[in-house]
Protein backbone atom coordinates (compact mmCIF):
# COMPACT_ATOMS: atom_id res chain seq x y z
CA UNK A 1 88.46 95.79 97.79
CA UNK A 2 91.28 93.44 96.77
CA UNK A 3 92.73 92.00 93.59
CA UNK A 4 94.90 88.91 92.97
CA UNK A 5 98.68 89.25 92.99
CA UNK A 6 101.47 86.89 92.05
CA UNK A 7 102.64 84.32 94.60
CA UNK A 8 100.76 83.72 97.82
CA UNK A 9 99.83 87.36 98.44
CA UNK A 10 97.04 89.57 97.16
CA UNK A 11 96.90 93.31 96.74
CA UNK A 12 94.64 95.00 99.27
CA UNK A 13 93.35 98.55 98.87
CA UNK A 14 91.81 100.37 101.83
CA UNK A 15 92.35 103.68 103.67
CA UNK A 16 94.69 104.84 106.41
CA UNK A 17 95.29 108.27 107.98
CA UNK A 18 98.50 109.94 106.88
CA UNK A 19 100.02 110.23 110.35
CA UNK A 20 99.54 106.51 110.97
CA UNK A 21 100.99 105.61 107.56
CA UNK A 22 104.09 107.70 108.31
CA UNK A 23 104.54 106.11 111.75
CA UNK A 24 104.22 102.68 110.14
CA UNK A 25 106.79 103.53 107.48
CA UNK A 26 109.33 104.80 110.01
CA UNK A 27 108.87 101.97 112.51
CA UNK A 28 109.08 99.29 109.83
CA UNK A 29 112.36 100.82 108.64
CA UNK A 30 113.67 100.94 112.22
CA UNK A 31 113.00 97.22 112.62
CA UNK A 32 114.18 96.33 109.12
CA UNK A 33 110.90 94.76 108.00
CA UNK A 34 108.74 95.41 104.96
CA UNK A 35 105.58 97.45 105.44
CA UNK A 36 103.44 94.59 104.13
CA UNK A 37 104.94 92.27 106.76
CA UNK A 38 104.19 94.78 109.52
CA UNK A 39 100.58 95.15 108.35
CA UNK A 40 100.23 91.37 108.09
CA UNK A 41 101.45 90.95 111.68
CA UNK A 42 99.20 93.76 112.90
CA UNK A 43 96.11 92.31 111.22
CA UNK A 44 96.85 88.84 112.58
CA UNK A 45 97.29 90.26 116.10
CA UNK A 46 94.02 92.24 115.74
CA UNK A 47 92.16 89.10 114.63
CA UNK A 48 93.44 87.28 117.74
CA UNK A 49 92.12 89.90 120.17
CA UNK A 50 89.28 88.87 122.47
CA UNK A 51 87.67 92.32 122.25
CA UNK A 52 87.77 95.35 119.98
CA UNK A 53 90.42 97.88 121.07
CA UNK A 54 89.84 101.60 121.50
CA UNK A 55 88.99 103.55 118.33
CA UNK A 56 91.80 105.24 116.39
CA UNK A 57 91.37 108.71 114.86
CA UNK A 58 90.90 108.19 111.10
CA UNK A 59 89.73 111.63 109.98
CA UNK A 60 91.39 112.45 106.66
CA UNK A 61 92.23 108.85 105.86
CA UNK A 62 93.14 108.31 102.22
CA UNK A 63 94.01 105.43 99.94
CA UNK A 64 96.47 102.84 101.23
CA UNK A 65 97.47 99.62 99.51
CA UNK A 66 99.62 96.68 100.49
CA UNK A 67 100.00 92.95 99.88
CA UNK A 68 98.68 90.43 102.41
CA UNK A 69 98.69 86.62 102.48
CA UNK A 70 95.88 85.14 100.43
CA UNK A 71 92.73 84.82 102.55
CA UNK A 72 93.84 87.08 105.40
CA UNK A 73 91.87 90.07 104.13
CA UNK A 74 88.71 87.98 103.83
CA UNK A 75 89.09 86.89 107.46
CA UNK A 76 89.75 90.48 108.44
CA UNK A 77 86.67 91.70 106.57
CA UNK A 78 84.51 89.10 108.33
CA UNK A 79 85.89 90.03 111.77
CA UNK A 80 85.35 93.74 111.11
CA UNK A 81 81.71 93.02 110.29
CA UNK A 82 81.28 90.93 113.42
CA UNK A 83 82.82 93.70 115.57
CA UNK A 84 80.78 96.39 113.77
CA UNK A 85 83.79 98.52 112.77
CA UNK A 86 84.60 99.84 109.33
CA UNK A 87 87.48 98.34 107.35
CA UNK A 88 89.35 101.66 107.67
CA UNK A 89 88.93 101.65 111.47
CA UNK A 90 89.88 98.00 111.76
CA UNK A 91 93.00 98.49 109.65
CA UNK A 92 93.98 101.56 111.68
CA UNK A 93 93.56 99.56 114.90
CA UNK A 94 95.69 96.76 113.43
CA UNK A 95 98.51 99.13 112.48
CA UNK A 96 98.35 100.88 115.85
CA UNK A 97 98.50 97.49 117.58
CA UNK A 98 101.64 96.58 115.61
CA UNK A 99 103.24 99.90 116.54
CA UNK A 100 102.48 99.36 120.23
CA UNK A 101 103.92 95.84 120.22
CA UNK A 102 106.98 96.90 118.22
CA UNK A 103 108.26 100.06 119.94
CA UNK A 104 111.09 102.08 118.48
CA UNK A 105 114.42 100.40 119.26
CA UNK A 106 116.62 102.26 121.71
CA UNK A 107 119.99 103.57 120.58
CA UNK A 108 122.68 101.28 122.06
CA UNK A 109 125.09 102.99 124.44
CA UNK A 110 128.70 101.81 124.35
CA UNK A 111 131.24 101.83 127.18
CA UNK A 112 133.13 104.64 125.44
CA UNK A 113 131.93 107.28 122.99
CA UNK A 114 133.17 106.74 119.44
CA UNK A 115 135.99 109.21 118.83
CA UNK A 116 136.29 110.30 115.20
CA UNK A 117 139.48 112.23 114.44
CA UNK A 118 138.88 114.14 111.19
CA UNK A 119 142.30 115.02 109.87
CA UNK A 120 144.76 115.84 107.10
CA UNK A 121 147.73 118.14 107.47
CA UNK A 122 146.77 119.80 104.14
CA UNK A 123 144.35 122.69 104.53
CA UNK A 124 141.42 123.32 102.23
CA UNK A 125 140.37 119.71 101.70
CA UNK A 126 137.08 120.18 103.58
CA UNK A 127 137.75 118.58 106.96
CA UNK A 128 135.43 121.03 108.66
CA UNK A 129 132.58 120.39 106.22
CA UNK A 130 132.93 116.65 106.72
CA UNK A 131 133.06 117.06 110.51
CA UNK A 132 129.86 119.13 110.57
CA UNK A 133 128.02 116.96 108.04
CA UNK A 134 128.99 113.70 109.71
CA UNK A 135 127.99 115.01 113.14
CA UNK A 136 124.60 116.16 111.89
CA UNK A 137 123.99 112.82 110.16
CA UNK A 138 124.80 110.91 113.33
CA UNK A 139 122.47 113.05 115.46
CA UNK A 140 119.40 113.14 113.20
CA UNK A 141 115.97 112.25 114.55
CA UNK A 142 115.52 108.44 114.71
CA UNK A 143 111.73 108.72 114.53
CA UNK A 144 111.86 110.32 111.07
CA UNK A 145 113.05 109.09 107.68
CA UNK A 146 115.92 110.77 105.85
CA UNK A 147 117.32 110.09 102.36
CA UNK A 148 120.57 108.10 102.33
CA UNK A 149 122.80 107.13 99.43
CA UNK A 150 123.00 103.43 100.14
CA UNK A 151 125.38 102.29 97.38
CA UNK A 152 129.01 101.82 98.38
CA UNK A 153 130.32 101.22 94.85
CA UNK A 154 132.28 104.43 94.49
CA UNK A 155 133.82 103.37 91.21
CA UNK A 156 130.49 104.17 89.56
CA UNK A 157 131.25 107.83 90.17
CA UNK A 158 134.20 107.64 87.79
CA UNK A 159 131.74 107.66 84.90
CA UNK A 160 130.83 111.29 84.33
CA UNK A 161 128.04 110.22 81.96
CA UNK A 162 126.03 108.86 84.88
CA UNK A 163 124.17 111.78 86.41
CA UNK A 164 122.96 109.86 89.48
CA UNK A 165 124.61 106.42 89.73
CA UNK A 166 123.88 105.86 93.42
CA UNK A 167 120.61 104.65 94.88
CA UNK A 168 118.79 106.72 97.52
CA UNK A 169 116.70 105.13 100.26
CA UNK A 170 114.73 106.73 103.10
CA UNK A 171 116.03 105.43 106.46
CA UNK A 172 115.52 106.42 110.13
CA UNK A 173 118.05 108.80 111.65
CA UNK A 174 120.77 107.35 113.88
CA UNK A 175 119.82 109.40 116.96
CA UNK A 176 123.32 109.57 118.46
CA UNK A 177 124.27 112.13 121.12
CA UNK A 178 127.06 113.91 119.27
CA UNK A 179 129.70 116.47 120.22
CA UNK A 180 131.65 118.42 117.60
CA UNK A 181 135.02 119.64 118.86
CA UNK A 182 136.58 122.61 117.06
CA UNK A 183 140.24 121.76 117.62
CA UNK A 184 141.48 123.97 114.77
CA UNK A 185 142.68 127.45 115.89
CA UNK A 186 141.30 128.83 112.61
CA UNK A 187 137.86 128.11 114.15
CA UNK A 188 136.07 127.42 110.87
CA UNK A 189 133.74 124.84 112.41
CA UNK A 190 132.54 127.36 115.00
CA UNK A 191 131.93 130.14 112.47
CA UNK A 192 130.34 127.82 109.88
CA UNK A 193 127.75 126.72 112.43
CA UNK A 194 126.98 130.33 113.35
CA UNK A 195 128.36 130.15 116.89
CA UNK A 196 130.64 132.56 118.75
CA UNK A 197 134.26 131.57 119.15
CA UNK A 198 135.77 131.57 122.63
CA UNK A 199 137.57 134.89 123.11
CA UNK A 200 141.32 134.84 123.56
CA UNK A 201 141.23 136.28 127.05
CA UNK A 202 143.30 135.35 130.09
CA UNK A 203 140.16 135.24 132.23
CA UNK A 204 138.20 132.91 129.90
CA UNK A 205 138.67 129.14 129.72
CA UNK A 206 139.19 127.34 126.41
CA UNK A 207 139.88 123.78 125.29
CA UNK A 208 143.60 124.63 125.07
CA UNK A 209 143.62 125.81 128.69
CA UNK A 210 141.92 122.62 129.80
CA UNK A 211 144.59 120.66 127.95
CA UNK A 212 147.46 122.54 129.60
CA UNK A 213 145.95 122.64 133.09
CA UNK A 214 145.38 126.40 133.12
CA UNK A 215 141.56 126.30 133.13
CA UNK A 216 139.72 127.43 136.25
CA UNK A 217 136.22 126.15 135.44
CA UNK A 218 134.42 123.08 134.08
CA UNK A 219 134.90 122.12 130.43
CA UNK A 220 131.15 121.38 130.28
CA UNK A 221 130.54 125.11 130.57
CA UNK A 222 132.07 125.62 127.11
CA UNK A 223 129.47 123.50 125.28
CA UNK A 224 126.84 125.18 123.07
CA UNK A 225 123.89 123.37 121.44
CA UNK A 226 123.13 123.29 117.71
CA UNK A 227 119.47 124.28 117.68
CA UNK A 228 117.38 122.40 115.13
CA UNK A 229 114.47 120.04 115.80
CA UNK A 230 115.94 117.42 113.44
CA UNK A 231 118.75 116.83 115.97
CA UNK A 232 116.48 116.77 119.02
CA UNK A 233 119.02 118.36 121.37
CA UNK A 234 121.57 115.65 120.50
CA UNK A 235 124.09 117.84 118.60
CA UNK A 236 126.50 120.10 120.51
CA UNK A 237 129.64 122.09 119.76
CA UNK A 238 132.75 122.82 121.77
CA UNK A 239 133.76 126.12 120.10
CA UNK A 240 137.26 126.98 118.99
CA UNK A 241 139.60 129.64 120.29
CA UNK A 242 142.48 131.43 118.64
CA UNK A 243 144.81 130.41 121.47
CA UNK A 244 145.09 127.05 119.71
CA UNK A 245 147.85 128.63 117.62
CA UNK A 246 150.00 128.60 120.77
CA UNK A 247 149.04 125.11 121.88
CA UNK A 248 152.06 123.21 120.54
CA UNK A 249 154.41 125.47 122.49
CA UNK A 250 152.35 125.09 125.67
CA UNK A 251 152.13 121.30 125.27
CA UNK A 252 155.92 120.99 125.20
CA UNK A 253 155.84 121.75 128.95
CA UNK A 254 152.98 119.36 129.80
CA UNK A 255 153.66 115.96 131.35
CA UNK A 256 152.44 113.05 129.19
CA UNK A 257 151.33 115.59 126.61
CA UNK A 258 149.93 112.97 124.20
CA UNK A 259 147.03 112.43 126.64
CA UNK A 260 146.25 116.14 127.06
CA UNK A 261 143.20 116.15 124.79
CA UNK A 262 141.85 113.00 126.42
CA UNK A 263 142.21 114.48 129.91
CA UNK A 264 140.44 117.67 128.80
CA UNK A 265 137.49 115.87 127.18
CA UNK A 266 137.12 113.10 129.78
CA UNK A 267 134.40 114.92 131.80
CA UNK A 268 132.25 115.12 128.64
CA UNK A 269 132.41 111.52 127.52
CA UNK A 270 129.54 110.15 129.59
CA UNK A 271 127.16 112.60 127.90
CA UNK A 272 127.85 111.55 124.29
CA UNK A 273 127.80 108.57 121.96
CA UNK A 274 130.00 110.32 119.40
CA UNK A 275 132.81 112.86 119.72
CA UNK A 276 134.12 114.23 116.43
CA UNK A 277 137.33 116.26 116.50
CA UNK A 278 137.97 118.74 113.66
CA UNK A 279 141.76 118.79 113.61
CA UNK A 280 144.13 121.57 112.55
CA UNK A 281 146.09 121.22 109.29
CA UNK A 282 149.33 120.47 111.09
CA UNK A 283 151.67 117.67 112.11
CA UNK A 284 152.58 119.18 115.48
CA UNK A 285 152.13 118.08 119.06
CA UNK A 286 148.43 118.94 119.06
CA UNK A 287 147.91 116.43 116.24
CA UNK A 288 149.66 113.80 118.37
CA UNK A 289 147.12 114.41 121.14
CA UNK A 290 144.25 113.94 118.66
CA UNK A 291 145.68 110.70 117.27
CA UNK A 292 146.24 109.38 120.79
CA UNK A 293 142.68 110.34 121.75
CA UNK A 294 141.38 108.25 118.85
CA UNK A 295 143.39 105.15 119.74
CA UNK A 296 141.60 101.90 120.47
CA UNK A 297 140.94 101.64 124.20
CA UNK A 298 140.78 98.51 126.32
CA UNK A 299 137.72 96.38 125.48
CA UNK A 300 136.83 98.72 122.59
CA UNK A 301 135.99 96.95 119.31
CA UNK A 302 138.37 97.51 116.41
CA UNK A 303 137.30 100.21 113.97
CA UNK A 304 135.13 102.04 116.51
CA UNK A 305 137.36 105.09 116.93
CA UNK A 306 140.29 106.52 115.01
CA UNK A 307 141.37 108.90 112.25
CA UNK A 308 139.05 109.69 109.35
CA UNK A 309 141.27 111.17 106.63
CA UNK A 310 139.78 113.76 104.28
CA UNK A 311 141.44 114.22 100.89
CA UNK A 312 140.72 115.61 97.46
CA UNK A 313 141.19 113.96 94.07
CA UNK A 314 144.47 115.73 93.28
CA UNK A 315 148.19 115.16 93.80
CA UNK A 316 148.91 117.47 96.74
CA UNK A 317 146.41 115.57 98.89
CA UNK A 318 148.38 112.39 98.24
CA UNK A 319 151.60 113.99 99.48
CA UNK A 320 149.89 115.28 102.63
CA UNK A 321 148.29 111.87 103.20
CA UNK A 322 151.69 110.18 103.21
CA UNK A 323 153.01 112.62 105.84
CA UNK A 324 149.96 112.12 108.07
CA UNK A 325 150.10 108.34 107.86
CA UNK A 326 153.80 108.46 108.77
CA UNK A 327 152.95 110.50 111.88
CA UNK A 328 150.18 108.08 112.87
CA UNK A 329 152.41 105.05 112.38
CA UNK A 330 155.26 106.66 114.32
CA UNK A 331 152.94 107.40 117.26
CA UNK A 332 151.50 103.90 117.12
CA UNK A 333 155.00 102.41 117.21
CA UNK A 334 156.54 104.76 119.77
CA UNK A 335 153.70 104.45 122.28
CA UNK A 336 152.66 100.87 121.60
CA UNK A 337 149.00 101.76 120.96
CA UNK A 338 146.44 100.49 118.46
CA UNK A 339 145.17 103.13 116.05
CA UNK A 340 142.40 102.03 113.67
CA UNK A 341 141.87 103.99 110.46
CA UNK A 342 138.17 104.71 109.90
CA UNK A 343 138.78 105.32 106.22
CA UNK A 344 139.38 107.94 103.55
CA UNK A 345 136.80 110.51 102.46
CA UNK A 346 137.37 111.89 98.97
CA UNK A 347 135.80 115.33 99.21
CA UNK A 348 134.81 117.94 96.59
CA UNK A 349 135.00 115.41 93.76
CA UNK A 350 134.02 116.59 90.28
CA UNK A 351 134.62 114.20 87.34
CA UNK A 352 134.22 117.11 84.91
CA UNK A 353 137.72 118.19 85.90
CA UNK A 354 138.96 115.38 83.74
CA UNK A 355 141.86 112.99 83.97
CA UNK A 356 143.51 114.47 87.07
CA UNK A 357 140.32 114.07 89.13
CA UNK A 358 139.29 110.65 87.81
CA UNK A 359 142.76 109.12 87.95
CA UNK A 360 143.30 110.49 91.46
CA UNK A 361 140.01 108.95 92.62
CA UNK A 362 141.06 105.65 91.09
CA UNK A 363 144.33 105.87 93.03
CA UNK A 364 142.49 106.49 96.33
CA UNK A 365 140.11 103.59 95.70
CA UNK A 366 143.06 101.28 94.96
CA UNK A 367 144.62 101.89 98.40
CA UNK A 368 142.19 99.40 100.08
CA UNK A 369 143.66 99.82 103.57
CA UNK A 370 142.44 102.25 104.69
CA UNK A 371 139.61 102.12 102.20
CA UNK A 372 137.55 104.92 100.70
CA UNK A 373 134.34 105.20 102.74
CA UNK A 374 132.73 108.15 100.94
CA UNK A 375 133.04 110.26 97.80
CA UNK A 376 131.42 113.66 98.29
CA UNK A 377 130.65 115.74 95.22
CA UNK A 378 131.70 119.36 94.74
CA UNK A 379 128.26 120.96 94.84
CA UNK A 380 126.92 124.31 95.97
CA UNK A 381 124.80 123.18 98.93
CA UNK A 382 127.72 123.14 101.36
CA UNK A 383 128.97 126.58 100.29
CA UNK A 384 125.48 128.04 100.64
CA UNK A 385 125.05 126.44 104.06
CA UNK A 386 128.36 127.97 105.19
CA UNK A 387 127.28 131.38 103.93
CA UNK A 388 124.02 131.10 105.89
CA UNK A 389 125.84 129.64 108.95
CA UNK A 390 123.68 126.52 109.01
CA UNK A 391 124.49 122.82 109.17
CA UNK A 392 124.41 121.29 105.68
CA UNK A 393 121.67 118.82 106.64
CA UNK A 394 119.53 121.66 107.96
CA UNK A 395 119.99 123.79 104.83
CA UNK A 396 119.55 121.05 102.21
CA UNK A 397 118.29 117.89 103.95
CA UNK A 398 117.49 116.11 100.68
CA UNK A 399 120.51 117.36 98.73
CA UNK A 400 123.09 114.98 97.27
CA UNK A 401 125.82 115.99 99.73
CA UNK A 402 123.48 115.47 102.69
CA UNK A 403 122.49 112.03 101.40
CA UNK A 404 126.17 111.12 101.11
CA UNK A 405 126.96 112.39 104.62
CA UNK A 406 124.29 110.03 105.97
CA UNK A 407 125.82 107.17 104.00
CA UNK A 408 129.22 108.03 105.49
CA UNK A 409 127.76 107.99 109.02
CA UNK A 410 126.41 104.49 108.44
CA UNK A 411 129.54 103.25 106.71
CA UNK A 412 131.75 103.99 109.73
CA UNK A 413 129.16 103.12 112.43
């Protein structure tokens, strides 16, 4: 049955099995087309077939409506009668035909993995939470839809009277092969994700030992997977070790020490699209190695890799930010390298804290270069996820913080 609609389309009501409707919704989002356009193309392709295709399972089909060009449904109804198939079966065949002729797009593989250096020399701003949330958002299943906060107008969050000023849209996951590197000797990333830290033992390799040339084995042997179907085996962790507290001293004896982290991680790069480094709250030699690792490489597009600076909406974060930027600029100048800022993340923002919070957020937004790429609210989901030793997006996949992490992943992609 159909009823007139405005313009040159008419509303069509039929039936479609739930699994096929979900596949249609995901694939249309992957290709950036409207569902009604996909159905229109599928019906037109079905009408052009010389013979009826194989039947599609339609048990449990329920109501499905869309808008098709005027007259197309009448032609479809006539063809279904001629081919002796029900309208439900014919529509299911049309949708299946569109899915087969529009396969899921493959994730593009770049020459180098993107290297995100999550940093701020001030502790307690939430670098680890941002590292874990960003990594999970980058790795999520591309054949499923996940809620994303699509608005980038962060100034709307200054108005505490707006309970939900940002729009949420269901989008396919990014499907990136992602490695999280716990480069902080405090090892919070490792413990938050429920994994064992590397023991501080002379007989056991660690990232620090690979950086200083003391390791005996392969750095790939240190990697542990983050087990959750939503990441499809694409999210891994290189755990932390307490020996990182001694790294700056050890690096002082290493030749070309700025490249130590790059040399250590080089064997892993071919296996990942994204490498995210959770940095220590320090301005020492180890931080120099992280900044150098995130520099722009030859033939690498600008803005692909670099530091992502996590701050809070308060004054001490501003002081720490200035010190970090000075270190980055000094390294850039001294070594003649290009370092692209990926942006500023204002974390744990709560406008109910009043003038200090709102005025600080205004100050971050006014910087412009680097610009604010995400404002993450101070909510309980992250704290609960840490307590349960789960990734945030596994614990609360539809929560506000998770939606914002996905927006961040897209903003810097």
